[in-house]
Amino acid sequence: MSIDDRCTPALAAEVSLLAAMLGSLHEAQDVLANRGVAVDTKTIRTIAYRYAARARLVQQVEHTAFEDSVAGRRVVISSDGGRIRLRETKRGPKTKKGRRRYTGAWREPKVLLVYVVDAEGKRDATFVPVMDATLKGPDAVFALLRSYLQRLAITQADQVLFLADGAPWIGKRVPLLVQALGNFQEIMYQVSHPAVEF
């Protein structure tokens, strides 16, 4: 454990969570202030960006293993598109207060989720879900998903169910993902129509 950006790992995690979860950095600043942590929005942004960069570095380490195992369990995999608004700097003169102008363009992140269910189909709380997202498009999120599933040794799962809403970008990549990962004992792909078995 180390101190980065002049704060403990626990504080960096909390600041980053609030920055991502709330509607603005000002809201995150207010929540932190109510908890007795006085930081400005610039510091919150810096901590969150650097925390995310460190998380990506850890993720890219090939030998990172998951503590949980999916061997003999029922695994649910899902992917979908989301919607976020990005603050992008506009070219041109600054405002009267000397601030840069910006646009709030909407972007669609591609999101993935992997979790385990019990015999009744209820989420198994003993397995920590895998959640991630990217703004780099469908191929990038499926590459990310493939990496996670390989590290989870997904072929040892008893049953794998892929849930999606029927978007073409998902439908055409699932068979390629299954082929790349190897044979499953059983895998289904469920969209808005009944499940299709591969």
N, C-alpha and C. Protein backbone atom coordinates (compact mmCIF):
# COMPACT_ATOMS: atom_id res chain seq x y z
N MET A 1 0.84 -1.17 0.00
CA MET A 1 0.00 0.00 0.00
C MET A 1 0.89 1.24 0.00
N SER A 2 0.44 2.25 -0.77
CA SER A 2 1.25 3.46 -0.84
C SER A 2 0.35 4.69 -0.81
N ILE A 3 0.98 5.83 -0.52
CA ILE A 3 0.26 7.09 -0.53
C ILE A 3 0.48 7.72 -1.90
N ASP A 4 -0.60 7.94 -2.64
CA ASP A 4 -0.52 8.59 -3.95
C ASP A 4 -1.38 9.83 -3.91
N ASP A 5 -0.92 10.88 -4.61
CA ASP A 5 -1.66 12.14 -4.69
C ASP A 5 -1.99 12.69 -3.29
N ARG A 6 -1.09 12.45 -2.34
CA ARG A 6 -1.21 12.95 -0.96
C ARG A 6 -2.46 12.44 -0.25
N CYS A 7 -2.92 11.26 -0.63
CA CYS A 7 -4.06 10.67 0.09
C CYS A 7 -3.91 9.15 0.13
N THR A 8 -4.54 8.56 1.11
CA THR A 8 -4.46 7.11 1.28
C THR A 8 -5.24 6.41 0.16
N PRO A 9 -4.98 5.12 -0.08
CA PRO A 9 -5.74 4.38 -1.09
C PRO A 9 -7.24 4.41 -0.83
N ALA A 10 -7.64 4.34 0.45
CA ALA A 10 -9.07 4.37 0.78
C ALA A 10 -9.70 5.70 0.40
N LEU A 11 -9.02 6.81 0.67
CA LEU A 11 -9.56 8.12 0.32
C LEU A 11 -9.58 8.30 -1.19
N ALA A 12 -8.52 7.85 -1.88
CA ALA A 12 -8.48 7.95 -3.34
C ALA A 12 -9.63 7.17 -3.97
N ALA A 13 -9.92 6.00 -3.40
CA ALA A 13 -11.03 5.19 -3.90
C ALA A 13 -12.36 5.89 -3.68
N GLU A 14 -12.53 6.49 -2.51
CA GLU A 14 -13.79 7.18 -2.20
C GLU A 14 -13.97 8.41 -3.08
N VAL A 15 -12.92 9.20 -3.25
CA VAL A 15 -12.98 10.39 -4.09
C VAL A 15 -13.32 10.00 -5.53
N SER A 16 -12.66 8.96 -6.03
CA SER A 16 -12.89 8.50 -7.39
C SER A 16 -14.31 7.98 -7.58
N LEU A 17 -14.80 7.24 -6.60
CA LEU A 17 -16.17 6.72 -6.65
C LEU A 17 -17.18 7.87 -6.72
N LEU A 18 -17.01 8.86 -5.86
CA LEU A 18 -17.93 10.00 -5.86
C LEU A 18 -17.84 10.80 -7.15
N ALA A 19 -16.64 10.96 -7.68
CA ALA A 19 -16.46 11.70 -8.93
C ALA A 19 -17.17 11.01 -10.08
N ALA A 20 -17.14 9.68 -10.08
CA ALA A 20 -17.79 8.91 -11.15
C ALA A 20 -19.28 8.78 -10.95
N MET A 21 -19.71 8.68 -9.70
CA MET A 21 -21.10 8.38 -9.38
C MET A 21 -22.01 9.60 -9.42
N LEU A 22 -21.51 10.73 -8.98
CA LEU A 22 -22.36 11.91 -8.87
C LEU A 22 -22.40 12.70 -10.18
N GLY A 23 -23.31 13.67 -10.23
CA GLY A 23 -23.55 14.41 -11.46
C GLY A 23 -22.46 15.40 -11.84
N SER A 24 -21.67 15.83 -10.88
CA SER A 24 -20.60 16.80 -11.16
C SER A 24 -19.52 16.71 -10.09
N LEU A 25 -18.38 17.31 -10.39
CA LEU A 25 -17.29 17.35 -9.41
C LEU A 25 -17.66 18.25 -8.24
N HIS A 26 -18.51 19.24 -8.48
CA HIS A 26 -18.96 20.11 -7.39
C HIS A 26 -19.81 19.32 -6.39
N GLU A 27 -20.65 18.41 -6.90
CA GLU A 27 -21.43 17.56 -5.99
C GLU A 27 -20.51 16.67 -5.17
N ALA A 28 -19.49 16.11 -5.82
CA ALA A 28 -18.52 15.28 -5.10
C ALA A 28 -17.82 16.10 -4.02
N GLN A 29 -17.47 17.34 -4.36
CA GLN A 29 -16.82 18.23 -3.39
C GLN A 29 -17.72 18.47 -2.18
N ASP A 30 -19.02 18.68 -2.44
CA ASP A 30 -19.97 18.91 -1.35
C ASP A 30 -20.11 17.70 -0.43
N VAL A 31 -20.21 16.51 -1.04
CA VAL A 31 -20.35 15.29 -0.25
C VAL A 31 -19.10 15.07 0.60
N LEU A 32 -17.93 15.28 0.01
CA LEU A 32 -16.68 15.12 0.75
C LEU A 32 -16.59 16.15 1.88
N ALA A 33 -17.02 17.37 1.61
CA ALA A 33 -17.00 18.41 2.64
C ALA A 33 -17.88 18.02 3.82
N ASN A 34 -19.04 17.41 3.54
CA ASN A 34 -19.93 16.95 4.60
C ASN A 34 -19.30 15.83 5.42
N ARG A 35 -18.33 15.15 4.84
CA ARG A 35 -17.62 14.08 5.55
C ARG A 35 -16.34 14.57 6.19
N GLY A 36 -16.12 15.88 6.12
CA GLY A 36 -14.94 16.45 6.76
C GLY A 36 -13.69 16.47 5.90
N VAL A 37 -13.84 16.24 4.59
CA VAL A 37 -12.70 16.25 3.68
C VAL A 37 -12.81 17.47 2.78
N ALA A 38 -11.92 18.44 2.96
CA ALA A 38 -11.96 19.68 2.18
C ALA A 38 -10.99 19.59 1.01
N VAL A 39 -11.54 19.41 -0.20
CA VAL A 39 -10.74 19.38 -1.43
C VAL A 39 -11.47 20.16 -2.51
N ASP A 40 -10.70 20.78 -3.40
CA ASP A 40 -11.34 21.52 -4.49
C ASP A 40 -11.59 20.58 -5.68
N THR A 41 -12.35 21.07 -6.65
CA THR A 41 -12.73 20.21 -7.78
C THR A 41 -11.52 19.81 -8.63
N LYS A 42 -10.53 20.68 -8.72
CA LYS A 42 -9.33 20.35 -9.50
C LYS A 42 -8.60 19.16 -8.87
N THR A 43 -8.51 19.15 -7.55
CA THR A 43 -7.86 18.04 -6.85
C THR A 43 -8.66 16.75 -7.01
N ILE A 44 -9.99 16.86 -6.93
CA ILE A 44 -10.85 15.68 -7.12
C ILE A 44 -10.62 15.08 -8.50
N ARG A 45 -10.59 15.94 -9.53
CA ARG A 45 -10.36 15.48 -10.89
C ARG A 45 -9.01 14.77 -11.02
N THR A 46 -7.98 15.39 -10.46
CA THR A 46 -6.63 14.81 -10.52
C THR A 46 -6.58 13.45 -9.85
N ILE A 47 -7.14 13.36 -8.65
CA ILE A 47 -7.14 12.09 -7.92
C ILE A 47 -7.89 11.02 -8.71
N ALA A 48 -9.07 11.37 -9.24
CA ALA A 48 -9.89 10.40 -9.98
C ALA A 48 -9.18 9.91 -11.24
N TYR A 49 -8.58 10.82 -12.00
CA TYR A 49 -7.89 10.44 -13.23
C TYR A 49 -6.69 9.54 -12.94
N ARG A 50 -5.93 9.90 -11.92
CA ARG A 50 -4.74 9.10 -11.60
C ARG A 50 -5.12 7.75 -10.99
N TYR A 51 -6.20 7.73 -10.22
CA TYR A 51 -6.69 6.46 -9.66
C TYR A 51 -7.12 5.53 -10.80
N ALA A 52 -7.83 6.09 -11.79
CA ALA A 52 -8.27 5.31 -12.94
C ALA A 52 -7.08 4.79 -13.73
N ALA A 53 -6.05 5.61 -13.89
CA ALA A 53 -4.86 5.20 -14.62
C ALA A 53 -4.15 4.05 -13.90
N ARG A 54 -4.07 4.13 -12.57
CA ARG A 54 -3.44 3.04 -11.81
C ARG A 54 -4.27 1.75 -11.92
N ALA A 55 -5.60 1.90 -11.90
CA ALA A 55 -6.47 0.72 -12.02
C ALA A 55 -6.27 0.05 -13.37
N ARG A 56 -6.12 0.84 -14.44
CA ARG A 56 -5.89 0.28 -15.77
C ARG A 56 -4.54 -0.45 -15.84
N LEU A 57 -3.54 0.10 -15.17
CA LEU A 57 -2.23 -0.56 -15.17
C LEU A 57 -2.31 -1.92 -14.50
N VAL A 58 -3.02 -1.97 -13.37
CA VAL A 58 -3.19 -3.24 -12.67
C VAL A 58 -3.95 -4.23 -13.56
N GLN A 59 -4.95 -3.71 -14.25
CA GLN A 59 -5.77 -4.56 -15.12
C GLN A 59 -4.95 -5.15 -16.26
N GLN A 60 -3.96 -4.41 -16.73
CA GLN A 60 -3.18 -4.86 -17.87
C GLN A 60 -2.10 -5.88 -17.50
N VAL A 61 -1.91 -6.09 -16.22
CA VAL A 61 -0.93 -7.11 -15.80
C VAL A 61 -1.52 -8.48 -16.12
N GLU A 62 -0.87 -9.21 -17.00
CA GLU A 62 -1.43 -10.47 -17.51
C GLU A 62 -1.65 -11.51 -16.44
N HIS A 63 -0.81 -11.51 -15.42
CA HIS A 63 -0.88 -12.59 -14.43
C HIS A 63 -1.79 -12.26 -13.25
N THR A 64 -2.54 -11.16 -13.37
CA THR A 64 -3.48 -10.82 -12.30
C THR A 64 -4.56 -11.89 -12.25
N ALA A 65 -4.72 -12.53 -11.11
CA ALA A 65 -5.70 -13.61 -10.98
C ALA A 65 -6.85 -13.15 -10.09
N PHE A 66 -8.02 -13.72 -10.36
CA PHE A 66 -9.18 -13.44 -9.53
C PHE A 66 -9.18 -14.39 -8.34
N GLU A 67 -9.59 -13.88 -7.20
CA GLU A 67 -9.68 -14.73 -6.01
C GLU A 67 -10.84 -15.71 -6.15
N ASP A 68 -11.94 -15.27 -6.78
CA ASP A 68 -13.11 -16.12 -6.95
C ASP A 68 -12.93 -17.05 -8.14
N SER A 69 -13.57 -18.20 -8.07
CA SER A 69 -13.54 -19.17 -9.17
C SER A 69 -14.95 -19.37 -9.70
N VAL A 70 -15.05 -19.58 -11.02
CA VAL A 70 -16.36 -19.86 -11.62
C VAL A 70 -16.52 -21.35 -11.91
N ALA A 71 -15.54 -22.14 -11.52
CA ALA A 71 -15.59 -23.58 -11.79
C ALA A 71 -16.84 -24.22 -11.19
N GLY A 72 -17.60 -24.91 -12.04
CA GLY A 72 -18.80 -25.60 -11.58
C GLY A 72 -19.96 -24.70 -11.23
N ARG A 73 -19.89 -23.42 -11.60
CA ARG A 73 -20.95 -22.47 -11.24
C ARG A 73 -21.69 -21.97 -12.47
N ARG A 74 -22.83 -21.32 -12.22
CA ARG A 74 -23.62 -20.72 -13.30
C ARG A 74 -23.22 -19.26 -13.44
N VAL A 75 -22.73 -18.90 -14.61
CA VAL A 75 -22.20 -17.56 -14.84
C VAL A 75 -23.09 -16.80 -15.83
N VAL A 76 -23.38 -15.57 -15.49
CA VAL A 76 -24.15 -14.69 -16.38
C VAL A 76 -23.21 -13.60 -16.89
N ILE A 77 -23.22 -13.42 -18.22
CA ILE A 77 -22.42 -12.39 -18.86
C ILE A 77 -23.36 -11.45 -19.58
N SER A 78 -23.12 -10.16 -19.48
CA SER A 78 -23.99 -9.20 -20.15
C SER A 78 -23.18 -8.02 -20.67
N SER A 79 -23.64 -7.46 -21.77
CA SER A 79 -23.01 -6.26 -22.32
C SER A 79 -24.10 -5.37 -22.89
N ASP A 80 -23.88 -4.08 -22.82
CA ASP A 80 -24.88 -3.14 -23.31
C ASP A 80 -24.22 -1.79 -23.55
N GLY A 81 -24.93 -0.90 -24.20
CA GLY A 81 -24.47 0.46 -24.38
C GLY A 81 -25.09 1.35 -23.33
N GLY A 82 -24.38 2.37 -22.92
CA GLY A 82 -24.90 3.31 -21.94
C GLY A 82 -25.00 4.70 -22.54
N ARG A 83 -25.03 5.70 -21.70
CA ARG A 83 -25.09 7.08 -22.18
C ARG A 83 -24.49 7.99 -21.14
N ILE A 84 -23.43 8.70 -21.53
CA ILE A 84 -22.81 9.66 -20.63
C ILE A 84 -22.52 10.95 -21.40
N ARG A 85 -22.38 11.99 -20.65
CA ARG A 85 -22.08 13.29 -21.25
C ARG A 85 -20.65 13.66 -20.91
N LEU A 86 -19.85 13.93 -21.93
CA LEU A 86 -18.45 14.27 -21.73
C LEU A 86 -18.23 15.77 -21.87
N ARG A 87 -17.42 16.29 -21.01
CA ARG A 87 -17.07 17.72 -21.09
C ARG A 87 -15.86 17.84 -21.99
N GLU A 88 -16.05 18.49 -23.15
CA GLU A 88 -14.98 18.65 -24.12
C GLU A 88 -14.73 20.14 -24.34
N THR A 89 -13.46 20.54 -24.28
CA THR A 89 -13.09 21.95 -24.42
C THR A 89 -13.39 22.45 -25.82
N LYS A 90 -13.98 23.64 -25.89
CA LYS A 90 -14.27 24.28 -27.17
C LYS A 90 -13.13 25.20 -27.55
N ARG A 91 -12.87 25.29 -28.82
CA ARG A 91 -11.88 26.24 -29.30
C ARG A 91 -12.49 27.64 -29.26
N GLY A 92 -11.63 28.61 -29.16
CA GLY A 92 -12.12 29.99 -29.17
C GLY A 92 -11.78 30.73 -27.89
N PRO A 93 -12.29 31.96 -27.78
CA PRO A 93 -11.95 32.80 -26.62
C PRO A 93 -12.56 32.27 -25.33
N LYS A 94 -11.93 32.63 -24.23
CA LYS A 94 -12.43 32.24 -22.92
C LYS A 94 -13.62 33.12 -22.54
N THR A 95 -14.30 32.72 -21.47
CA THR A 95 -15.43 33.51 -20.96
C THR A 95 -14.90 34.77 -20.29
N LYS A 96 -15.80 35.66 -19.89
CA LYS A 96 -15.40 36.90 -19.20
C LYS A 96 -14.67 36.61 -17.90
N LYS A 97 -14.98 35.46 -17.29
CA LYS A 97 -14.31 35.08 -16.04
C LYS A 97 -12.99 34.35 -16.28
N GLY A 98 -12.60 34.22 -17.55
CA GLY A 98 -11.33 33.59 -17.88
C GLY A 98 -11.38 32.07 -17.94
N ARG A 99 -12.59 31.52 -18.03
CA ARG A 99 -12.73 30.06 -18.11
C ARG A 99 -12.84 29.61 -19.55
N ARG A 100 -12.39 28.39 -19.79
CA ARG A 100 -12.49 27.83 -21.14
C ARG A 100 -13.93 27.40 -21.40
N ARG A 101 -14.38 27.61 -22.61
CA ARG A 101 -15.71 27.16 -22.99
C ARG A 101 -15.66 25.66 -23.28
N TYR A 102 -16.80 24.99 -23.13
CA TYR A 102 -16.84 23.55 -23.38
C TYR A 102 -18.20 23.14 -23.92
N THR A 103 -18.23 21.96 -24.51
CA THR A 103 -19.48 21.37 -24.95
C THR A 103 -19.72 20.12 -24.11
N GLY A 104 -20.96 19.74 -23.98
CA GLY A 104 -21.31 18.53 -23.22
C GLY A 104 -21.85 17.47 -24.17
N ALA A 105 -20.98 16.92 -25.00
CA ALA A 105 -21.41 15.95 -26.02
C ALA A 105 -21.79 14.61 -25.38
N TRP A 106 -22.84 13.99 -25.90
CA TRP A 106 -23.26 12.67 -25.42
C TRP A 106 -22.45 11.60 -26.11
N ARG A 107 -21.99 10.61 -25.34
CA ARG A 107 -21.26 9.48 -25.88
C ARG A 107 -21.87 8.20 -25.34
N GLU A 108 -21.64 7.09 -26.05
CA GLU A 108 -22.17 5.81 -25.61
C GLU A 108 -21.04 4.89 -25.16
N PRO A 109 -20.87 4.73 -23.85
CA PRO A 109 -19.88 3.75 -23.39
C PRO A 109 -20.43 2.35 -23.60
N LYS A 110 -19.56 1.40 -23.85
CA LYS A 110 -19.94 -0.01 -23.93
C LYS A 110 -19.58 -0.64 -22.60
N VAL A 111 -20.57 -1.28 -21.99
CA VAL A 111 -20.45 -1.77 -20.61
C VAL A 111 -20.50 -3.29 -20.58
N LEU A 112 -19.76 -3.91 -19.65
CA LEU A 112 -19.81 -5.36 -19.47
C LEU A 112 -20.04 -5.70 -18.01
N LEU A 113 -20.65 -6.85 -17.79
CA LEU A 113 -20.93 -7.33 -16.43
C LEU A 113 -20.85 -8.85 -16.43
N VAL A 114 -20.16 -9.40 -15.44
CA VAL A 114 -20.05 -10.85 -15.26
C VAL A 114 -20.38 -11.15 -13.80
N TYR A 115 -21.33 -12.04 -13.57
CA TYR A 115 -21.67 -12.42 -12.19
C TYR A 115 -22.12 -13.87 -12.15
N VAL A 116 -22.29 -14.39 -10.95
CA VAL A 116 -22.65 -15.79 -10.73
C VAL A 116 -24.04 -15.84 -10.09
N VAL A 117 -24.84 -16.83 -10.51
CA VAL A 117 -26.16 -17.03 -9.92
C VAL A 117 -26.24 -18.43 -9.30
N ASP A 118 -27.17 -18.59 -8.35
CA ASP A 118 -27.36 -19.90 -7.73
C ASP A 118 -28.37 -20.73 -8.53
N ALA A 119 -28.76 -21.86 -7.99
CA ALA A 119 -29.67 -22.78 -8.69
C ALA A 119 -31.03 -22.15 -8.96
N GLU A 120 -31.43 -21.17 -8.15
CA GLU A 120 -32.72 -20.50 -8.34
C GLU A 120 -32.60 -19.28 -9.25
N GLY A 121 -31.41 -18.99 -9.73
CA GLY A 121 -31.21 -17.84 -10.60
C GLY A 121 -30.97 -16.54 -9.88
N LYS A 122 -30.78 -16.59 -8.56
CA LYS A 122 -30.51 -15.38 -7.79
C LYS A 122 -29.01 -15.14 -7.74
N ARG A 123 -28.64 -13.86 -7.75
CA ARG A 123 -27.21 -13.52 -7.74
C ARG A 123 -26.53 -14.08 -6.50
N ASP A 124 -25.39 -14.72 -6.72
CA ASP A 124 -24.61 -15.30 -5.64
C ASP A 124 -23.74 -14.21 -5.03
N ALA A 125 -24.04 -13.83 -3.80
CA ALA A 125 -23.33 -12.73 -3.13
C ALA A 125 -21.90 -13.08 -2.76
N THR A 126 -21.52 -14.36 -2.84
CA THR A 126 -20.15 -14.74 -2.49
C THR A 126 -19.18 -14.46 -3.65
N PHE A 127 -19.70 -14.18 -4.83
CA PHE A 127 -18.86 -13.87 -5.99
C PHE A 127 -18.91 -12.37 -6.26
N VAL A 128 -17.75 -11.74 -6.30
CA VAL A 128 -17.69 -10.30 -6.58
C VAL A 128 -17.86 -10.08 -8.08
N PRO A 129 -18.91 -9.37 -8.49
CA PRO A 129 -19.16 -9.17 -9.93
C PRO A 129 -18.01 -8.43 -10.61
N VAL A 130 -17.81 -8.73 -11.87
CA VAL A 130 -16.82 -8.03 -12.69
C VAL A 130 -17.57 -7.00 -13.53
N MET A 131 -17.25 -5.73 -13.36
CA MET A 131 -17.90 -4.66 -14.12
C MET A 131 -16.84 -3.77 -14.73
N ASP A 132 -17.04 -3.41 -15.99
CA ASP A 132 -16.10 -2.52 -16.65
C ASP A 132 -16.80 -1.85 -17.83
N ALA A 133 -16.16 -0.84 -18.39
CA ALA A 133 -16.73 -0.13 -19.53
C ALA A 133 -15.61 0.55 -20.31
N THR A 134 -15.91 0.89 -21.55
CA THR A 134 -14.95 1.59 -22.39
C THR A 134 -15.69 2.49 -23.36
N LEU A 135 -15.02 3.54 -23.78
CA LEU A 135 -15.57 4.43 -24.81
C LEU A 135 -14.96 4.12 -26.17
N LYS A 136 -14.21 3.04 -26.26
CA LYS A 136 -13.48 2.73 -27.50
C LYS A 136 -14.27 1.86 -28.48
N GLY A 137 -15.52 1.54 -28.16
CA GLY A 137 -16.36 0.84 -29.11
C GLY A 137 -16.55 -0.64 -28.84
N PRO A 138 -17.37 -1.31 -29.69
CA PRO A 138 -17.73 -2.72 -29.48
C PRO A 138 -16.55 -3.69 -29.47
N ASP A 139 -15.61 -3.53 -30.40
CA ASP A 139 -14.47 -4.44 -30.44
C ASP A 139 -13.65 -4.35 -29.16
N ALA A 140 -13.50 -3.14 -28.65
CA ALA A 140 -12.71 -2.93 -27.44
C ALA A 140 -13.37 -3.57 -26.23
N VAL A 141 -14.71 -3.43 -26.10
CA VAL A 141 -15.37 -4.01 -24.92
C VAL A 141 -15.36 -5.54 -25.00
N PHE A 142 -15.46 -6.10 -26.20
CA PHE A 142 -15.40 -7.56 -26.30
C PHE A 142 -13.98 -8.09 -26.09
N ALA A 143 -12.97 -7.30 -26.45
CA ALA A 143 -11.59 -7.69 -26.14
C ALA A 143 -11.38 -7.67 -24.63
N LEU A 144 -11.94 -6.67 -23.98
CA LEU A 144 -11.86 -6.56 -22.52
C LEU A 144 -12.59 -7.74 -21.87
N LEU A 145 -13.77 -8.05 -22.39
CA LEU A 145 -14.57 -9.16 -21.87
C LEU A 145 -13.83 -10.48 -22.04
N ARG A 146 -13.23 -10.68 -23.20
CA ARG A 146 -12.47 -11.90 -23.45
C ARG A 146 -11.32 -12.05 -22.45
N SER A 147 -10.62 -10.94 -22.16
CA SER A 147 -9.53 -10.97 -21.20
C SER A 147 -10.02 -11.38 -19.82
N TYR A 148 -11.13 -10.80 -19.37
CA TYR A 148 -11.68 -11.15 -18.06
C TYR A 148 -12.10 -12.62 -18.02
N LEU A 149 -12.78 -13.08 -19.07
CA LEU A 149 -13.27 -14.46 -19.07
C LEU A 149 -12.13 -15.47 -19.10
N GLN A 150 -11.06 -15.15 -19.79
CA GLN A 150 -9.89 -16.04 -19.80
C GLN A 150 -9.28 -16.11 -18.41
N ARG A 151 -9.18 -14.96 -17.74
CA ARG A 151 -8.60 -14.95 -16.40
C ARG A 151 -9.49 -15.63 -15.38
N LEU A 152 -10.80 -15.64 -15.65
CA LEU A 152 -11.74 -16.34 -14.77
C LEU A 152 -11.82 -17.83 -15.09
N ALA A 153 -11.12 -18.27 -16.15
CA ALA A 153 -11.19 -19.67 -16.60
C ALA A 153 -12.65 -20.06 -16.84
N ILE A 154 -13.31 -19.28 -17.70
CA ILE A 154 -14.74 -19.43 -17.92
C ILE A 154 -15.13 -20.81 -18.45
N THR A 155 -14.22 -21.48 -19.13
CA THR A 155 -14.55 -22.81 -19.68
C THR A 155 -14.77 -23.84 -18.57
N GLN A 156 -14.39 -23.51 -17.34
CA GLN A 156 -14.62 -24.43 -16.22
C GLN A 156 -15.99 -24.24 -15.59
N ALA A 157 -16.73 -23.21 -16.06
CA ALA A 157 -18.07 -22.96 -15.51
C ALA A 157 -19.01 -24.09 -15.92
N ASP A 158 -20.01 -24.33 -15.09
CA ASP A 158 -20.99 -25.37 -15.38
C ASP A 158 -21.97 -24.91 -16.46
N GLN A 159 -22.36 -23.64 -16.39
CA GLN A 159 -23.30 -23.08 -17.35
C GLN A 159 -22.99 -21.61 -17.53
N VAL A 160 -23.07 -21.13 -18.78
CA VAL A 160 -22.81 -19.73 -19.08
C VAL A 160 -24.00 -19.18 -19.86
N LEU A 161 -24.54 -18.07 -19.40
CA LEU A 161 -25.67 -17.43 -20.05
C LEU A 161 -25.27 -16.01 -20.43
N PHE A 162 -25.42 -15.66 -21.71
CA PHE A 162 -25.11 -14.32 -22.17
C PHE A 162 -26.42 -13.59 -22.40
N LEU A 163 -26.64 -12.51 -21.63
CA LEU A 163 -27.86 -11.72 -21.74
C LEU A 163 -27.58 -10.42 -22.48
N ALA A 164 -28.48 -10.09 -23.42
CA ALA A 164 -28.33 -8.83 -24.15
C ALA A 164 -29.67 -8.40 -24.69
N ASP A 165 -29.72 -7.18 -25.21
CA ASP A 165 -30.98 -6.64 -25.69
C ASP A 165 -31.22 -6.86 -27.19
N GLY A 166 -30.34 -7.58 -27.86
CA GLY A 166 -30.53 -7.85 -29.27
C GLY A 166 -29.85 -6.87 -30.20
N ALA A 167 -29.03 -5.96 -29.65
CA ALA A 167 -28.32 -5.01 -30.51
C ALA A 167 -27.38 -5.76 -31.45
N PRO A 168 -27.38 -5.41 -32.75
CA PRO A 168 -26.55 -6.14 -33.72
C PRO A 168 -25.06 -6.19 -33.36
N TRP A 169 -24.54 -5.10 -32.75
CA TRP A 169 -23.11 -5.08 -32.42
C TRP A 169 -22.77 -6.15 -31.38
N ILE A 170 -23.75 -6.56 -30.57
CA ILE A 170 -23.52 -7.62 -29.59
C ILE A 170 -23.71 -8.98 -30.25
N GLY A 171 -24.83 -9.13 -30.96
CA GLY A 171 -25.19 -10.42 -31.56
C GLY A 171 -24.14 -11.01 -32.46
N LYS A 172 -23.47 -10.17 -33.24
CA LYS A 172 -22.48 -10.72 -34.17
C LYS A 172 -21.13 -11.02 -33.51
N ARG A 173 -20.93 -10.52 -32.29
CA ARG A 173 -19.64 -10.75 -31.61
C ARG A 173 -19.68 -11.90 -30.61
N VAL A 174 -20.85 -12.28 -30.13
CA VAL A 174 -20.93 -13.36 -29.14
C VAL A 174 -20.41 -14.68 -29.71
N PRO A 175 -20.84 -15.13 -30.91
CA PRO A 175 -20.31 -16.38 -31.44
C PRO A 175 -18.79 -16.35 -31.60
N LEU A 176 -18.24 -15.20 -31.99
CA LEU A 176 -16.79 -15.07 -32.14
C LEU A 176 -16.09 -15.18 -30.79
N LEU A 177 -16.72 -14.62 -29.75
CA LEU A 177 -16.18 -14.70 -28.39
C LEU A 177 -16.17 -16.15 -27.92
N VAL A 178 -17.28 -16.86 -28.14
CA VAL A 178 -17.38 -18.27 -27.72
C VAL A 178 -16.32 -19.09 -28.44
N GLN A 179 -16.15 -18.83 -29.72
CA GLN A 179 -15.16 -19.57 -30.51
C GLN A 179 -13.74 -19.30 -30.00
N ALA A 180 -13.47 -18.04 -29.66
CA ALA A 180 -12.13 -17.67 -29.19
C ALA A 180 -11.80 -18.26 -27.83
N LEU A 181 -12.82 -18.43 -26.99
CA LEU A 181 -12.59 -18.93 -25.63
C LEU A 181 -12.55 -20.44 -25.54
N GLY A 182 -13.08 -21.14 -26.52
CA GLY A 182 -13.11 -22.61 -26.47
C GLY A 182 -14.51 -23.10 -26.16
N ASN A 183 -14.65 -24.39 -26.06
CA ASN A 183 -15.97 -24.99 -25.87
C ASN A 183 -16.44 -24.86 -24.43
N PHE A 184 -17.71 -24.56 -24.28
CA PHE A 184 -18.37 -24.54 -22.98
C PHE A 184 -19.22 -25.81 -22.87
N GLN A 185 -19.46 -26.23 -21.63
CA GLN A 185 -20.40 -27.35 -21.46
C GLN A 185 -21.77 -26.93 -21.97
N GLU A 186 -22.15 -25.70 -21.71
CA GLU A 186 -23.42 -25.19 -22.18
C GLU A 186 -23.35 -23.67 -22.21
N ILE A 187 -23.74 -23.07 -23.33
CA ILE A 187 -23.81 -21.62 -23.40
C ILE A 187 -25.04 -21.22 -24.17
N MET A 188 -25.73 -20.22 -23.69
CA MET A 188 -26.91 -19.71 -24.37
C MET A 188 -26.73 -18.21 -24.56
N TYR A 189 -27.39 -17.69 -25.58
CA TYR A 189 -27.37 -16.25 -25.83
C TYR A 189 -28.81 -15.79 -25.82
N GLN A 190 -29.17 -15.01 -24.82
CA GLN A 190 -30.56 -14.58 -24.70
C GLN A 190 -30.68 -13.12 -25.09
N VAL A 191 -31.59 -12.86 -26.02
CA VAL A 191 -31.87 -11.48 -26.42
C VAL A 191 -33.33 -11.20 -26.10
N SER A 192 -33.97 -10.36 -26.89
CA SER A 192 -35.37 -10.05 -26.62
C SER A 192 -36.29 -11.20 -26.99
N HIS A 193 -35.76 -12.19 -27.73
CA HIS A 193 -36.51 -13.41 -28.03
C HIS A 193 -35.97 -14.55 -27.20
N PRO A 194 -36.56 -15.74 -27.19
CA PRO A 194 -36.09 -16.85 -26.35
C PRO A 194 -34.61 -17.17 -26.58
N ALA A 195 -34.01 -17.77 -25.57
CA ALA A 195 -32.58 -18.08 -25.62
C ALA A 195 -32.25 -18.98 -26.81
N VAL A 196 -31.11 -18.75 -27.40
CA VAL A 196 -30.63 -19.56 -28.50
C VAL A 196 -29.39 -20.30 -28.01
N GLU A 197 -29.37 -21.60 -28.18
CA GLU A 197 -28.23 -22.39 -27.69
C GLU A 197 -27.19 -22.51 -28.78
N PHE A 198 -25.92 -22.35 -28.41
CA PHE A 198 -24.82 -22.48 -29.36
C PHE A 198 -24.25 -23.89 -29.29
